[in-house]
Amino acid sequence: MAFENPKLDYSGSIKEVTLGGGDKAVTVGGETSYPFHLFEGEMPRRPRIAMEIYDVQPEDWAEAALEPFAGVTGDPVAWAKKCVDDYGAEMVCLQLVSTDPNGLDRGADEAAEVVKKVADAIDVPLIVWGTANHEKDTEVLRRVSEVCQGKNLILGPVEEGDYKKIGAAAIGYGHTVIASTPIDINLAKQLNILLGNLGVPDEKIIMDTTVSSIGYGLEYSYSVMERVRMAALTQQDERLQFPIICNIGRETWKSKEAKIPTAEDPKLGDARKRGILMEAMSTMVLLMAGGNVMIMRHPEAIKLVRQMIDQLAVE
């Protein structure tokens, strides 16, 4: 008797969302099966990777993470261009760390000017990530939306505490929102419902269920993403059928294991390889859970992940 590969029947699919504009616009989503289950359904678009940059000189990055960007980390425009021109970035994520009220507390106008310069300097989609301070993010992201009207930026994190004003600005100025919730499927669904009721089109929503790296609660992130995909694909839950974005580079490289120099703890192995492998491994786990857009930091980690995607995406 011939072996017959068991297959699961899916009743749902992931919505398609187009990020950015022009020739380099990126469309994600469209899956009709679990991640890379090409024997059961379709995965018409591979996951995409965005390279992260900061709007100010990073002060706490590991040396291994700074090395590939030597000479440009103090200039967000030059940094973004290097990501695109030298490392082939499909997208760029500008982390607005300078707007943190507990840090430099940069004003909305100044932050928006930086975003505008970066957006004008690159031809790939631009993700703009705030500080998760509701009051400040509302002020900053609304101004960014206005200054960059029509560029279809991807703005986040948009949370229940600020979704009305940021969502309204995104609708008015033509941007996509990142619906961000803290590792809970019910909260994720509720925010998607609220955004829909506000008038944000489904094709302008991408989910952030919150992620963590290996060794720091990755199993919790994986579990929630897995449950979201199960509800979307097997239970036809339309308010969970959105692509997922994972801000994983930042989470990986802030861990002590990625920062400790080799000389301080030789038993951990080479610090450069350690950080790169931690980021690549964390990213691959989240891809298997259903991630569509991965925000990463180190070019070598990105290269490893792209190689794995190439192997897994072959039918």
C-alpha atoms as a PDB file:
ATOM      1  CA  MET A   1       0.000   0.000   0.000  1.00  0.00           C
ATOM      2  CA  ALA A   2       1.454   3.345  -1.052  1.00  0.00           C
ATOM      3  CA  PHE A   3       2.142   5.956   1.608  1.00  0.00           C
ATOM      4  CA  GLU A   4      -0.352   8.789   1.574  1.00  0.00           C
ATOM      5  CA  ASN A   5       0.790  12.014   3.169  1.00  0.00           C
ATOM      6  CA  PRO A   6      -1.962  13.225   5.550  1.00  0.00           C
ATOM      7  CA  LYS A   7      -3.127  16.745   4.791  1.00  0.00           C
ATOM      8  CA  LEU A   8      -5.124  19.277   6.764  1.00  0.00           C
ATOM      9  CA  ASP A   9      -8.011  21.088   5.107  1.00  0.00           C
ATOM     10  CA  TYR A  10      -7.943  24.847   5.669  1.00  0.00           C
ATOM     11  CA  SER A  11     -11.060  26.974   5.522  1.00  0.00           C
ATOM     12  CA  GLY A  12      -9.440  30.394   5.846  1.00  0.00           C
ATOM     13  CA  SER A  13      -6.591  32.452   4.407  1.00  0.00           C
ATOM     14  CA  ILE A  14      -4.382  35.374   5.406  1.00  0.00           C
ATOM     15  CA  LYS A  15      -5.297  38.768   3.993  1.00  0.00           C
ATOM     16  CA  GLU A  16      -2.886  40.452   1.592  1.00  0.00           C
ATOM     17  CA  VAL A  17      -1.391  43.782   2.645  1.00  0.00           C
ATOM     18  CA  THR A  18       0.769  45.988   0.425  1.00  0.00           C
ATOM     19  CA  LEU A  19       3.480  47.968   2.196  1.00  0.00           C
ATOM     20  CA  GLY A  20       5.080  51.058   0.693  1.00  0.00           C
ATOM     21  CA  GLY A  21       4.500  52.256  -2.841  1.00  0.00           C
ATOM     22  CA  GLY A  22       6.031  52.360  -6.294  1.00  0.00           C
ATOM     23  CA  ASP A  23       8.104  49.650  -7.941  1.00  0.00           C
ATOM     24  CA  LYS A  24       9.594  48.477  -4.626  1.00  0.00           C
ATOM     25  CA  ALA A  25       6.284  48.062  -2.801  1.00  0.00           C
ATOM     26  CA  VAL A  26       6.052  44.790  -0.876  1.00  0.00           C
ATOM     27  CA  THR A  27       2.921  42.640  -0.588  1.00  0.00           C
ATOM     28  CA  VAL A  28       2.716  40.140   2.263  1.00  0.00           C
ATOM     29  CA  GLY A  29       0.127  37.567   3.256  1.00  0.00           C
ATOM     30  CA  GLY A  30      -2.073  35.375   1.083  1.00  0.00           C
ATOM     31  CA  GLU A  31      -1.205  32.054   2.742  1.00  0.00           C
ATOM     32  CA  THR A  32      -3.787  29.281   2.719  1.00  0.00           C
ATOM     33  CA  SER A  33      -1.921  26.915   5.047  1.00  0.00           C
ATOM     34  CA  TYR A  34       0.388  26.909   8.041  1.00  0.00           C
ATOM     35  CA  PRO A  35       3.854  28.418   7.483  1.00  0.00           C
ATOM     36  CA  PHE A  36       5.836  26.581   4.791  1.00  0.00           C
ATOM     37  CA  HIS A  37       3.258  23.743   4.617  1.00  0.00           C
ATOM     38  CA  LEU A  38       3.443  23.869   0.838  1.00  0.00           C
ATOM     39  CA  PHE A  39       2.218  20.271   0.642  1.00  0.00           C
ATOM     40  CA  GLU A  40      -1.126  21.419   2.070  1.00  0.00           C
ATOM     41  CA  GLY A  41      -1.750  24.882   0.670  1.00  0.00           C
ATOM     42  CA  GLU A  42      -0.247  27.942  -0.946  1.00  0.00           C
ATOM     43  CA  MET A  43       2.296  30.454   0.281  1.00  0.00           C
ATOM     44  CA  PRO A  44       2.248  32.881  -2.648  1.00  0.00           C
ATOM     45  CA  ARG A  45       4.592  35.371  -0.994  1.00  0.00           C
ATOM     46  CA  ARG A  46       7.640  34.603   1.058  1.00  0.00           C
ATOM     47  CA  PRO A  47       8.234  36.347   4.392  1.00  0.00           C
ATOM     48  CA  ARG A  48      10.065  39.667   4.091  1.00  0.00           C
ATOM     49  CA  ILE A  49      12.899  41.143   6.141  1.00  0.00           C
ATOM     50  CA  ALA A  50      13.257  44.778   7.181  1.00  0.00           C
ATOM     51  CA  MET A  51      16.593  46.130   8.409  1.00  0.00           C
ATOM     52  CA  GLU A  52      16.346  48.359  11.451  1.00  0.00           C
ATOM     53  CA  ILE A  53      18.049  51.711  11.945  1.00  0.00           C
ATOM     54  CA  TYR A  54      17.899  54.249  14.784  1.00  0.00           C
ATOM     55  CA  ASP A  55      17.175  57.953  14.518  1.00  0.00           C
ATOM     56  CA  VAL A  56      20.153  58.672  16.820  1.00  0.00           C
ATOM     57  CA  GLN A  57      23.549  57.129  17.480  1.00  0.00           C
ATOM     58  CA  PRO A  58      22.974  53.839  19.389  1.00  0.00           C
ATOM     59  CA  GLU A  59      24.585  53.847  22.808  1.00  0.00           C
ATOM     60  CA  ASP A  60      23.971  50.288  23.968  1.00  0.00           C
ATOM     61  CA  TRP A  61      24.549  48.153  20.872  1.00  0.00           C
ATOM     62  CA  ALA A  62      26.992  45.262  20.957  1.00  0.00           C
ATOM     63  CA  GLU A  63      30.187  45.866  18.998  1.00  0.00           C
ATOM     64  CA  ALA A  64      29.303  43.022  16.630  1.00  0.00           C
ATOM     65  CA  ALA A  65      26.038  44.751  15.704  1.00  0.00           C
ATOM     66  CA  LEU A  66      27.699  48.142  15.132  1.00  0.00           C
ATOM     67  CA  GLU A  67      30.524  46.784  12.973  1.00  0.00           C
ATOM     68  CA  PRO A  68      28.582  46.405   9.675  1.00  0.00           C
ATOM     69  CA  PHE A  69      27.360  50.022   9.882  1.00  0.00           C
ATOM     70  CA  ALA A  70      30.589  51.765  10.850  1.00  0.00           C
ATOM     71  CA  GLY A  71      30.559  55.429   9.880  1.00  0.00           C
ATOM     72  CA  VAL A  72      26.795  55.831   9.340  1.00  0.00           C
ATOM     73  CA  THR A  73      25.125  55.125  12.692  1.00  0.00           C
ATOM     74  CA  GLY A  74      25.006  58.821  13.495  1.00  0.00           C
ATOM     75  CA  ASP A  75      23.112  59.662  10.284  1.00  0.00           C
ATOM     76  CA  PRO A  76      19.749  57.892   9.759  1.00  0.00           C
ATOM     77  CA  VAL A  77      19.652  58.788   6.046  1.00  0.00           C
ATOM     78  CA  ALA A  78      23.126  57.399   5.319  1.00  0.00           C
ATOM     79  CA  TRP A  79      22.345  54.369   7.464  1.00  0.00           C
ATOM     80  CA  ALA A  80      19.126  53.629   5.594  1.00  0.00           C
ATOM     81  CA  LYS A  81      20.849  53.994   2.227  1.00  0.00           C
ATOM     82  CA  LYS A  82      23.620  51.636   3.306  1.00  0.00           C
ATOM     83  CA  CYS A  83      21.044  49.022   4.300  1.00  0.00           C
ATOM     84  CA  VAL A  84      19.437  49.257   0.859  1.00  0.00           C
ATOM     85  CA  ASP A  85      22.498  49.770  -1.349  1.00  0.00           C
ATOM     86  CA  ASP A  86      25.047  47.535   0.413  1.00  0.00           C
ATOM     87  CA  TYR A  87      22.889  44.874   2.066  1.00  0.00           C
ATOM     88  CA  GLY A  88      19.884  44.697  -0.261  1.00  0.00           C
ATOM     89  CA  ALA A  89      17.279  45.578   2.356  1.00  0.00           C
ATOM     90  CA  GLU A  90      13.724  44.910   1.154  1.00  0.00           C
ATOM     91  CA  MET A  91      12.385  47.294   3.793  1.00  0.00           C
ATOM     92  CA  VAL A  92      13.787  49.634   6.427  1.00  0.00           C
ATOM     93  CA  CYS A  93      12.488  50.109   9.976  1.00  0.00           C
ATOM     94  CA  LEU A  94      13.276  53.460  11.578  1.00  0.00           C
ATOM     95  CA  GLN A  95      13.152  53.114  15.365  1.00  0.00           C
ATOM     96  CA  LEU A  96      12.288  56.522  16.837  1.00  0.00           C
ATOM     97  CA  VAL A  97      14.176  55.968  20.091  1.00  0.00           C
ATOM     98  CA  SER A  98      14.973  59.678  20.435  1.00  0.00           C
ATOM     99  CA  THR A  99      11.308  60.525  21.047  1.00  0.00           C
ATOM    100  CA  ASP A 100      11.154  58.519  24.286  1.00  0.00           C
ATOM    101  CA  PRO A 101       9.974  60.872  27.072  1.00  0.00           C
ATOM    102  CA  ASN A 102      12.369  59.066  29.402  1.00  0.00           C
ATOM    103  CA  GLY A 103      15.263  59.763  27.049  1.00  0.00           C
ATOM    104  CA  LEU A 104      15.981  62.618  24.661  1.00  0.00           C
ATOM    105  CA  ASP A 105      12.259  63.409  24.356  1.00  0.00           C
ATOM    106  CA  ARG A 106      12.678  64.768  20.822  1.00  0.00           C
ATOM    107  CA  GLY A 107       9.671  66.725  19.590  1.00  0.00           C
ATOM    108  CA  ALA A 108       7.193  65.618  16.953  1.00  0.00           C
ATOM    109  CA  ASP A 109       8.286  68.156  14.325  1.00  0.00           C
ATOM    110  CA  GLU A 110      11.936  67.202  14.598  1.00  0.00           C
ATOM    111  CA  ALA A 111      11.163  63.488  14.501  1.00  0.00           C
ATOM    112  CA  ALA A 112       8.879  63.920  11.486  1.00  0.00           C
ATOM    113  CA  GLU A 113      11.619  65.801   9.652  1.00  0.00           C
ATOM    114  CA  VAL A 114      13.994  62.876  10.152  1.00  0.00           C
ATOM    115  CA  VAL A 115      11.365  60.395   8.953  1.00  0.00           C
ATOM    116  CA  LYS A 116      10.672  62.503   5.868  1.00  0.00           C
ATOM    117  CA  LYS A 117      14.368  62.651   4.954  1.00  0.00           C
ATOM    118  CA  VAL A 118      14.745  58.885   5.309  1.00  0.00           C
ATOM    119  CA  ALA A 119      11.553  58.203   3.343  1.00  0.00           C
ATOM    120  CA  ASP A 120      12.707  60.462   0.514  1.00  0.00           C
ATOM    121  CA  ALA A 121      16.177  58.876   0.416  1.00  0.00           C
ATOM    122  CA  ILE A 122      15.089  55.253  -0.123  1.00  0.00           C
ATOM    123  CA  ASP A 123      12.747  53.543  -2.571  1.00  0.00           C
ATOM    124  CA  VAL A 124      11.743  50.601  -0.347  1.00  0.00           C
ATOM    125  CA  PRO A 125       8.905  50.524   2.211  1.00  0.00           C
ATOM    126  CA  LEU A 126       9.605  52.372   5.464  1.00  0.00           C
ATOM    127  CA  ILE A 127       8.397  51.165   8.861  1.00  0.00           C
ATOM    128  CA  VAL A 128       8.298  53.841  11.576  1.00  0.00           C
ATOM    129  CA  TRP A 129       8.362  52.456  15.125  1.00  0.00           C
ATOM    130  CA  GLY A 130       7.632  54.656  18.134  1.00  0.00           C
ATOM    131  CA  THR A 131       8.307  54.175  21.842  1.00  0.00           C
ATOM    132  CA  ALA A 132       4.995  52.663  23.036  1.00  0.00           C
ATOM    133  CA  ASN A 133       4.297  55.794  25.083  1.00  0.00           C
ATOM    134  CA  HIS A 134       0.706  56.525  24.123  1.00  0.00           C
ATOM    135  CA  GLU A 135       0.792  60.281  24.520  1.00  0.00           C
ATOM    136  CA  LYS A 136       4.115  60.764  22.754  1.00  0.00           C
ATOM    137  CA  ASP A 137       3.480  58.257  19.992  1.00  0.00           C
ATOM    138  CA  THR A 138       0.144  59.887  19.262  1.00  0.00           C
ATOM    139  CA  GLU A 139       1.798  63.264  18.876  1.00  0.00           C
ATOM    140  CA  VAL A 140       4.751  61.994  16.855  1.00  0.00           C
ATOM    141  CA  LEU A 141       3.043  59.495  14.555  1.00  0.00           C
ATOM    142  CA  ARG A 142       0.220  61.888  13.703  1.00  0.00           C
ATOM    143  CA  ARG A 143       2.781  64.485  12.640  1.00  0.00           C
ATOM    144  CA  VAL A 144       4.765  61.858  10.715  1.00  0.00           C
ATOM    145  CA  SER A 145       1.568  60.787   8.939  1.00  0.00           C
ATOM    146  CA  GLU A 146       0.914  64.331   7.814  1.00  0.00           C
ATOM    147  CA  VAL A 147       4.451  65.127   6.674  1.00  0.00           C
ATOM    148  CA  CYS A 148       4.729  61.859   4.725  1.00  0.00           C
ATOM    149  CA  GLN A 149       1.252  61.873   3.208  1.00  0.00           C
ATOM    150  CA  GLY A 150       0.721  59.268   0.496  1.00  0.00           C
ATOM    151  CA  LYS A 151       3.940  57.316   1.124  1.00  0.00           C
ATOM    152  CA  ASN A 152       2.102  54.406   2.768  1.00  0.00           C
ATOM    153  CA  LEU A 153       4.425  54.225   5.762  1.00  0.00           C
ATOM    154  CA  ILE A 154       3.901  51.382   8.217  1.00  0.00           C
ATOM    155  CA  LEU A 155       3.255  53.067  11.570  1.00  0.00           C
ATOM    156  CA  GLY A 156       3.448  51.513  14.994  1.00  0.00           C
ATOM    157  CA  PRO A 157       3.082  50.401  17.591  1.00  0.00           C
ATOM    158  CA  VAL A 158      -0.628  51.283  17.506  1.00  0.00           C
ATOM    159  CA  GLU A 159      -2.197  50.123  20.757  1.00  0.00           C
ATOM    160  CA  GLU A 160      -5.624  50.257  22.360  1.00  0.00           C
ATOM    161  CA  GLY A 161      -4.586  53.355  24.288  1.00  0.00           C
ATOM    162  CA  ASP A 162      -3.840  55.422  21.184  1.00  0.00           C
ATOM    163  CA  TYR A 163      -5.451  53.687  18.211  1.00  0.00           C
ATOM    164  CA  LYS A 164      -8.195  56.252  17.619  1.00  0.00           C
ATOM    165  CA  LYS A 165      -5.998  59.266  16.883  1.00  0.00           C
ATOM    166  CA  ILE A 166      -3.153  57.405  15.168  1.00  0.00           C
ATOM    167  CA  GLY A 167      -5.600  55.270  13.206  1.00  0.00           C
ATOM    168  CA  ALA A 168      -7.531  58.337  12.058  1.00  0.00           C
ATOM    169  CA  ALA A 169      -4.292  59.987  10.901  1.00  0.00           C
ATOM    170  CA  ALA A 170      -3.287  56.835   9.016  1.00  0.00           C
ATOM    171  CA  ILE A 171      -6.661  56.775   7.252  1.00  0.00           C
ATOM    172  CA  GLY A 172      -6.461  60.441   6.350  1.00  0.00           C
ATOM    173  CA  TYR A 173      -2.917  60.410   5.038  1.00  0.00           C
ATOM    174  CA  GLY A 174      -2.783  56.948   3.472  1.00  0.00           C
ATOM    175  CA  HIS A 175      -0.631  54.804   5.773  1.00  0.00           C
ATOM    176  CA  THR A 176      -0.664  51.270   7.194  1.00  0.00           C
ATOM    177  CA  VAL A 177      -0.920  50.623  10.948  1.00  0.00           C
ATOM    178  CA  ILE A 178       0.773  48.040  13.148  1.00  0.00           C
ATOM    179  CA  ALA A 179      -1.858  46.715  15.569  1.00  0.00           C
ATOM    180  CA  SER A 180       0.257  45.944  18.636  1.00  0.00           C
ATOM    181  CA  THR A 181      -0.883  43.899  21.641  1.00  0.00           C
ATOM    182  CA  PRO A 182       0.962  42.197  24.550  1.00  0.00           C
ATOM    183  CA  ILE A 183       1.121  38.438  23.845  1.00  0.00           C
ATOM    184  CA  ASP A 184      -2.616  37.697  24.037  1.00  0.00           C
ATOM    185  CA  ILE A 185      -4.803  36.401  21.220  1.00  0.00           C
ATOM    186  CA  ASN A 186      -7.991  37.941  22.611  1.00  0.00           C
ATOM    187  CA  LEU A 187      -6.416  41.385  22.924  1.00  0.00           C
ATOM    188  CA  ALA A 188      -5.054  41.040  19.388  1.00  0.00           C
ATOM    189  CA  LYS A 189      -8.479  40.255  17.992  1.00  0.00           C
ATOM    190  CA  GLN A 190     -10.122  43.051  19.982  1.00  0.00           C
ATOM    191  CA  LEU A 191      -7.714  45.698  18.661  1.00  0.00           C
ATOM    192  CA  ASN A 192      -8.267  44.536  15.088  1.00  0.00           C
ATOM    193  CA  ILE A 193     -12.011  44.882  15.649  1.00  0.00           C
ATOM    194  CA  LEU A 194     -11.566  48.380  17.077  1.00  0.00           C
ATOM    195  CA  LEU A 195      -9.421  49.466  14.138  1.00  0.00           C
ATOM    196  CA  GLY A 196     -11.980  48.077  11.712  1.00  0.00           C
ATOM    197  CA  ASN A 197     -14.792  49.911  13.493  1.00  0.00           C
ATOM    198  CA  LEU A 198     -12.741  53.093  13.304  1.00  0.00           C
ATOM    199  CA  GLY A 199     -12.583  52.711   9.541  1.00  0.00           C
ATOM    200  CA  VAL A 200      -9.065  51.407   8.972  1.00  0.00           C
ATOM    201  CA  PRO A 201      -9.311  49.118   5.905  1.00  0.00           C
ATOM    202  CA  ASP A 202      -8.226  45.506   6.313  1.00  0.00           C
ATOM    203  CA  GLU A 203      -5.557  46.044   3.675  1.00  0.00           C
ATOM    204  CA  LYS A 204      -3.991  48.690   5.928  1.00  0.00           C
ATOM    205  CA  ILE A 205      -3.567  46.538   9.056  1.00  0.00           C
ATOM    206  CA  ILE A 206      -0.642  44.338  10.039  1.00  0.00           C
ATOM    207  CA  MET A 207      -0.436  42.651  13.460  1.00  0.00           C
ATOM    208  CA  ASP A 208       2.263  42.783  16.126  1.00  0.00           C
ATOM    209  CA  THR A 209       1.548  40.202  18.831  1.00  0.00           C
ATOM    210  CA  THR A 210       4.804  41.118  20.642  1.00  0.00           C
ATOM    211  CA  VAL A 211       7.840  38.870  20.388  1.00  0.00           C
ATOM    212  CA  SER A 212      10.884  37.867  22.396  1.00  0.00           C
ATOM    213  CA  SER A 213      14.143  36.115  21.631  1.00  0.00           C
ATOM    214  CA  ILE A 214      15.482  32.686  22.490  1.00  0.00           C
ATOM    215  CA  GLY A 215      15.980  32.415  26.234  1.00  0.00           C
ATOM    216  CA  TYR A 216      13.615  35.279  27.021  1.00  0.00           C
ATOM    217  CA  GLY A 217      10.134  33.832  26.665  1.00  0.00           C
ATOM    218  CA  LEU A 218      10.162  32.941  22.995  1.00  0.00           C
ATOM    219  CA  GLU A 219       7.830  30.025  23.669  1.00  0.00           C
ATOM    220  CA  TYR A 220       5.095  32.423  24.808  1.00  0.00           C
ATOM    221  CA  SER A 221       5.413  34.519  21.672  1.00  0.00           C
ATOM    222  CA  TYR A 222       5.384  31.393  19.527  1.00  0.00           C
ATOM    223  CA  SER A 223       2.297  30.006  21.261  1.00  0.00           C
ATOM    224  CA  VAL A 224       0.234  33.154  20.703  1.00  0.00           C
ATOM    225  CA  MET A 225       1.294  33.501  17.061  1.00  0.00           C
ATOM    226  CA  GLU A 226       0.505  29.816  16.520  1.00  0.00           C
ATOM    227  CA  ARG A 227      -2.967  30.231  18.024  1.00  0.00           C
ATOM    228  CA  VAL A 228      -3.590  33.304  15.876  1.00  0.00           C
ATOM    229  CA  ARG A 229      -2.729  31.341  12.741  1.00  0.00           C
ATOM    230  CA  MET A 230      -4.860  28.382  13.813  1.00  0.00           C
ATOM    231  CA  ALA A 231      -7.878  30.646  14.360  1.00  0.00           C
ATOM    232  CA  ALA A 232      -7.294  32.438  11.063  1.00  0.00           C
ATOM    233  CA  LEU A 233      -6.805  29.367   8.894  1.00  0.00           C
ATOM    234  CA  THR A 234      -8.915  26.633  10.488  1.00  0.00           C
ATOM    235  CA  GLN A 235     -11.655  28.574  12.271  1.00  0.00           C
ATOM    236  CA  GLN A 236     -12.248  31.323   9.687  1.00  0.00           C
ATOM    237  CA  ASP A 237     -11.743  34.087  12.252  1.00  0.00           C
ATOM    238  CA  GLU A 238     -11.661  37.094   9.926  1.00  0.00           C
ATOM    239  CA  ARG A 239     -10.344  39.486  12.592  1.00  0.00           C
ATOM    240  CA  LEU A 240      -7.192  37.424  12.981  1.00  0.00           C
ATOM    241  CA  GLN A 241      -6.487  36.862   9.282  1.00  0.00           C
ATOM    242  CA  PHE A 242      -3.810  39.555   9.060  1.00  0.00           C
ATOM    243  CA  PRO A 243      -0.072  39.331   8.329  1.00  0.00           C
ATOM    244  CA  ILE A 244       2.187  39.452  11.391  1.00  0.00           C
ATOM    245  CA  ILE A 245       5.219  41.693  11.899  1.00  0.00           C
ATOM    246  CA  CYS A 246       7.968  40.765  14.390  1.00  0.00           C
ATOM    247  CA  ASN A 247      10.376  43.344  15.832  1.00  0.00           C
ATOM    248  CA  ILE A 248      12.891  40.649  16.707  1.00  0.00           C
ATOM    249  CA  GLY A 249      16.305  42.240  16.093  1.00  0.00           C
ATOM    250  CA  ARG A 250      15.896  44.699  18.941  1.00  0.00           C
ATOM    251  CA  GLU A 251      14.721  41.981  21.331  1.00  0.00           C
ATOM    252  CA  THR A 252      17.640  39.689  20.529  1.00  0.00           C
ATOM    253  CA  TRP A 253      20.472  42.192  20.698  1.00  0.00           C
ATOM    254  CA  LYS A 254      19.363  43.756  23.985  1.00  0.00           C
ATOM    255  CA  SER A 255      19.867  40.433  25.779  1.00  0.00           C
ATOM    256  CA  LYS A 256      22.955  40.035  27.929  1.00  0.00           C
ATOM    257  CA  GLU A 257      24.032  36.932  25.991  1.00  0.00           C
ATOM    258  CA  ALA A 258      24.294  38.991  22.805  1.00  0.00           C
ATOM    259  CA  LYS A 259      26.239  41.790  24.509  1.00  0.00           C
ATOM    260  CA  ILE A 260      28.752  40.085  26.796  1.00  0.00           C
ATOM    261  CA  PRO A 261      32.232  40.334  25.192  1.00  0.00           C
ATOM    262  CA  THR A 262      34.087  37.076  24.591  1.00  0.00           C
ATOM    263  CA  ALA A 263      36.826  37.996  27.069  1.00  0.00           C
ATOM    264  CA  GLU A 264      34.349  38.477  29.909  1.00  0.00           C
ATOM    265  CA  ASP A 265      32.821  35.008  29.552  1.00  0.00           C
ATOM    266  CA  PRO A 266      34.816  32.760  27.157  1.00  0.00           C
ATOM    267  CA  LYS A 267      32.577  29.746  27.805  1.00  0.00           C
ATOM    268  CA  LEU A 268      29.763  31.494  25.887  1.00  0.00           C
ATOM    269  CA  GLY A 269      31.856  31.393  22.732  1.00  0.00           C
ATOM    270  CA  ASP A 270      32.705  34.097  20.225  1.00  0.00           C
ATOM    271  CA  ALA A 271      30.520  37.152  20.910  1.00  0.00           C
ATOM    272  CA  ARG A 272      30.068  38.055  17.234  1.00  0.00           C
ATOM    273  CA  LYS A 273      28.923  34.577  16.191  1.00  0.00           C
ATOM    274  CA  ARG A 274      26.802  34.260  19.326  1.00  0.00           C
ATOM    275  CA  GLY A 275      24.740  37.372  18.633  1.00  0.00           C
ATOM    276  CA  ILE A 276      24.298  36.587  14.958  1.00  0.00           C
ATOM    277  CA  LEU A 277      23.150  33.033  15.654  1.00  0.00           C
ATOM    278  CA  MET A 278      20.783  34.144  18.422  1.00  0.00           C
ATOM    279  CA  GLU A 279      19.111  36.606  16.059  1.00  0.00           C
ATOM    280  CA  ALA A 280      18.907  34.126  13.173  1.00  0.00           C
ATOM    281  CA  MET A 281      17.544  31.319  15.349  1.00  0.00           C
ATOM    282  CA  SER A 282      14.974  33.549  17.070  1.00  0.00           C
ATOM    283  CA  THR A 283      13.809  34.812  13.694  1.00  0.00           C
ATOM    284  CA  MET A 284      13.434  31.336  12.216  1.00  0.00           C
ATOM    285  CA  VAL A 285      11.329  30.179  15.163  1.00  0.00           C
ATOM    286  CA  LEU A 286       8.964  33.123  14.646  1.00  0.00           C
ATOM    287  CA  LEU A 287       8.802  32.458  10.911  1.00  0.00           C
ATOM    288  CA  MET A 288       7.664  28.920  11.670  1.00  0.00           C
ATOM    289  CA  ALA A 289       4.983  30.402  13.949  1.00  0.00           C
ATOM    290  CA  GLY A 290       3.582  32.564  11.154  1.00  0.00           C
ATOM    291  CA  GLY A 291       5.639  35.761  10.922  1.00  0.00           C
ATOM    292  CA  ASN A 292       5.371  37.646   7.617  1.00  0.00           C
ATOM    293  CA  VAL A 293       7.664  40.635   8.204  1.00  0.00           C
ATOM    294  CA  MET A 294      10.782  40.277  10.346  1.00  0.00           C
ATOM    295  CA  ILE A 295      12.644  43.365  11.570  1.00  0.00           C
ATOM    296  CA  MET A 296      16.287  42.347  11.928  1.00  0.00           C
ATOM    297  CA  ARG A 297      19.620  43.994  12.663  1.00  0.00           C
ATOM    298  CA  HIS A 298      22.765  42.127  11.571  1.00  0.00           C
ATOM    299  CA  PRO A 299      23.386  41.474   7.841  1.00  0.00           C
ATOM    300  CA  GLU A 300      24.941  38.065   8.538  1.00  0.00           C
ATOM    301  CA  ALA A 301      21.904  36.937  10.534  1.00  0.00           C
ATOM    302  CA  ILE A 302      19.683  38.142   7.696  1.00  0.00           C
ATOM    303  CA  LYS A 303      21.764  36.162   5.203  1.00  0.00           C
ATOM    304  CA  LEU A 304      21.296  32.978   7.246  1.00  0.00           C
ATOM    305  CA  VAL A 305      17.543  33.495   7.488  1.00  0.00           C
ATOM    306  CA  ARG A 306      17.212  34.160   3.761  1.00  0.00           C
ATOM    307  CA  GLN A 307      19.047  30.919   3.050  1.00  0.00           C
ATOM    308  CA  MET A 308      16.657  29.002   5.287  1.00  0.00           C
ATOM    309  CA  ILE A 309      13.622  30.628   3.649  1.00  0.00           C
ATOM    310  CA  ASP A 310      14.980  29.640   0.236  1.00  0.00           C
ATOM    311  CA  GLN A 311      15.236  26.020   1.355  1.00  0.00           C
ATOM    312  CA  LEU A 312      11.860  25.863   3.068  1.00  0.00           C
ATOM    313  CA  ALA A 313       9.954  27.630   0.307  1.00  0.00           C
ATOM    314  CA  VAL A 314      10.740  24.963  -2.301  1.00  0.00           C
ATOM    315  CA  GLU A 315       7.837  22.631  -3.014  1.00  0.00           C
END
